[in-house]
Amino acid sequence: MVAGVGPLNRLLLPQTLESFRELRLAGASLRADMLLVYTFDTSFHVQGSVLPPLTAISLGMLPLHEAVVTTTVSAVVYDVRTAFIYGLAEATARESQMTSLWTSRSAVDDARLRTEAQAFERLMTEFDKAWVAIIAEHGSKSAGQSTSGR
């Protein structure tokens, strides 16, 4: 029941987004009926060493710290014209990695990339379920209407 899918180009959006209304206006300019909006929320912290004397002796080279990264990806499907919310999906991934004082920044960034990829993949699984529910509830109502499905 989808005629097409397309991303919103940055040129269609204002420099600073202040509301979903601006996203809906951009979607309307593409004659889209629905809009899938998703966000990444990533947080991290580095937990200190359990063996502080060993950190001093090793000059911070031993991986005695733990970098913990958590990413949550949230999605919502909006009706472009009315702002009706058809469905929601969300997924989280968490990872920890041992690091030294000298490598904590790169370790956190590596873990961030992994958790963001994992969370997005999980979101797609959740979105599949949400989409089935959206079609089951709203598909027959719009089956007679012409939709671009973007």
Protein backbone atom coordinates (compact mmCIF):
# COMPACT_ATOMS: atom_id res chain seq x y z
CA MET A 1 0.00 0.00 0.00
CA VAL A 2 3.01 2.29 -0.46
CA ALA A 3 3.46 3.96 -3.82
CA GLY A 4 6.86 5.40 -3.02
CA VAL A 5 9.37 6.28 -0.34
CA GLY A 6 11.74 9.21 -0.29
CA PRO A 7 13.90 11.13 2.16
CA LEU A 8 13.45 14.78 3.02
CA ASN A 9 16.25 16.82 1.53
CA ARG A 10 17.99 19.31 3.84
CA LEU A 11 17.16 22.05 1.34
CA LEU A 12 13.47 21.62 2.15
CA LEU A 13 14.05 22.30 5.85
CA PRO A 14 14.80 25.50 7.74
CA GLN A 15 18.26 25.83 9.29
CA THR A 16 16.86 25.22 12.76
CA LEU A 17 13.93 22.90 13.30
CA GLU A 18 11.62 24.10 16.03
CA SER A 19 8.65 21.77 15.61
CA PHE A 20 7.26 18.81 13.71
CA ARG A 21 5.13 21.29 11.77
CA GLU A 22 8.19 22.26 9.73
CA LEU A 23 8.83 18.61 8.89
CA ARG A 24 5.18 18.17 7.92
CA LEU A 25 5.37 21.22 5.64
CA ALA A 26 8.45 19.77 3.95
CA GLY A 27 6.65 16.45 3.54
CA ALA A 28 3.63 18.24 2.08
CA SER A 29 5.84 19.97 -0.49
CA LEU A 30 6.74 16.47 -1.70
CA ARG A 31 3.04 15.51 -1.70
CA ALA A 32 3.68 12.86 0.93
CA ASP A 33 0.83 11.42 2.97
CA MET A 34 2.87 10.06 5.85
CA LEU A 35 6.11 11.03 7.48
CA LEU A 36 8.44 8.73 9.43
CA VAL A 37 10.58 10.76 11.84
CA TYR A 38 13.28 9.13 13.93
CA THR A 39 15.89 10.34 16.37
CA PHE A 40 19.01 8.94 18.01
CA ASP A 41 19.65 9.63 21.69
CA THR A 42 23.14 8.47 22.70
CA SER A 43 24.68 8.86 26.12
CA PHE A 44 27.95 7.60 27.53
CA HIS A 45 30.08 7.63 30.62
CA VAL A 46 33.46 6.24 31.54
CA GLN A 47 33.58 4.49 34.87
CA GLY A 48 36.77 4.85 36.85
CA SER A 49 39.35 2.21 37.55
CA VAL A 50 38.75 -0.33 40.28
CA LEU A 51 42.51 -0.46 40.83
CA PRO A 52 43.70 3.17 41.10
CA PRO A 53 47.27 2.27 42.16
CA LEU A 54 47.62 0.12 39.02
CA THR A 55 46.54 3.07 36.87
CA ALA A 56 49.32 5.19 38.32
CA ILE A 57 51.95 2.47 37.84
CA SER A 58 50.87 1.81 34.23
CA LEU A 59 50.70 5.55 33.46
CA GLY A 60 47.12 5.04 32.31
CA MET A 61 48.06 2.62 29.53
CA LEU A 62 46.21 -0.47 30.87
CA PRO A 63 42.51 -0.79 30.01
CA LEU A 64 41.20 -0.38 33.56
CA HIS A 65 38.23 1.90 32.81
CA GLU A 66 34.89 0.92 31.39
CA ALA A 67 33.17 3.02 28.73
CA VAL A 68 29.40 2.46 28.77
CA VAL A 69 27.39 3.70 25.77
CA THR A 70 23.60 3.58 25.46
CA THR A 71 21.66 4.53 22.32
CA THR A 72 17.89 4.77 22.02
CA VAL A 73 16.31 5.29 18.61
CA SER A 74 12.71 6.49 18.62
CA ALA A 75 10.37 6.75 15.65
CA VAL A 76 6.93 8.15 14.98
CA VAL A 77 4.72 7.94 11.88
CA TYR A 78 2.73 11.15 11.28
CA ASP A 79 -0.04 12.07 8.93
CA VAL A 80 1.41 15.00 6.99
CA ARG A 81 -1.87 16.94 6.78
CA THR A 82 -3.39 16.40 10.23
CA ALA A 83 -0.40 15.47 12.46
CA PHE A 84 -2.28 12.34 13.49
CA ILE A 85 0.15 9.83 14.95
CA TYR A 86 -0.30 6.46 13.27
CA GLY A 87 2.28 4.59 15.29
CA LEU A 88 5.43 4.61 17.37
CA ALA A 89 8.52 2.41 17.63
CA GLU A 90 11.58 2.48 19.85
CA ALA A 91 14.69 0.40 20.42
CA THR A 92 17.74 0.60 22.66
CA ALA A 93 21.22 -0.85 22.52
CA ARG A 94 23.85 -0.73 25.24
CA GLU A 95 27.49 -1.68 25.14
CA SER A 96 30.45 -1.42 27.42
CA GLN A 97 34.09 -1.57 26.50
CA MET A 98 37.25 -1.59 28.57
CA THR A 99 39.51 1.37 27.91
CA SER A 100 42.59 3.10 29.21
CA LEU A 101 42.90 6.77 30.07
CA TRP A 102 44.62 7.32 26.73
CA THR A 103 42.09 5.52 24.51
CA SER A 104 38.80 6.40 26.21
CA ARG A 105 37.69 8.91 23.54
CA SER A 106 38.19 6.51 20.62
CA ALA A 107 36.73 3.60 22.61
CA VAL A 108 33.59 5.61 23.36
CA ASP A 109 33.27 6.65 19.71
CA ASP A 110 33.71 3.05 18.51
CA ALA A 111 31.11 1.84 21.00
CA ARG A 112 28.80 4.71 19.97
CA LEU A 113 28.93 3.66 16.33
CA ARG A 114 28.19 0.05 17.25
CA THR A 115 25.29 0.87 19.57
CA GLU A 116 23.74 3.28 17.07
CA ALA A 117 23.87 0.62 14.35
CA GLN A 118 22.43 -2.03 16.70
CA ALA A 119 19.68 0.26 17.96
CA PHE A 120 18.68 1.27 14.43
CA GLU A 121 18.55 -2.36 13.33
CA ARG A 122 16.34 -3.17 16.34
CA LEU A 123 14.18 -0.15 15.54
CA MET A 124 13.55 -1.51 12.04
CA THR A 125 12.30 -4.77 13.58
CA GLU A 126 9.98 -2.81 15.87
CA PHE A 127 8.89 -0.58 13.00
CA ASP A 128 7.94 -3.65 10.96
CA LYS A 129 5.55 -4.64 13.76
CA ALA A 130 4.20 -1.10 14.06
CA TRP A 131 3.67 -0.89 10.28
CA VAL A 132 1.64 -4.09 10.26
CA ALA A 133 -0.55 -2.63 13.01
CA ILE A 134 -0.90 0.68 11.12
CA ILE A 135 -2.00 -1.11 7.96
CA ALA A 136 -4.37 -3.35 9.89
CA GLU A 137 -6.06 -0.36 11.55
CA HIS A 138 -5.89 2.32 8.85
CA GLY A 139 -5.21 0.50 5.57
CA SER A 140 -8.80 -0.20 4.61
CA LYS A 141 -9.80 3.42 5.33
CA SER A 142 -7.38 4.77 2.75
CA ALA A 143 -7.51 1.88 0.28
CA GLY A 144 -9.97 3.78 -1.91
CA GLN A 145 -7.93 6.97 -1.79
CA SER A 146 -4.98 7.74 -4.00
CA THR A 147 -1.82 7.97 -1.89
CA SER A 148 1.74 8.77 -2.76
CA GLY A 149 2.93 6.92 0.35
CA ARG A 150 6.01 9.01 0.91
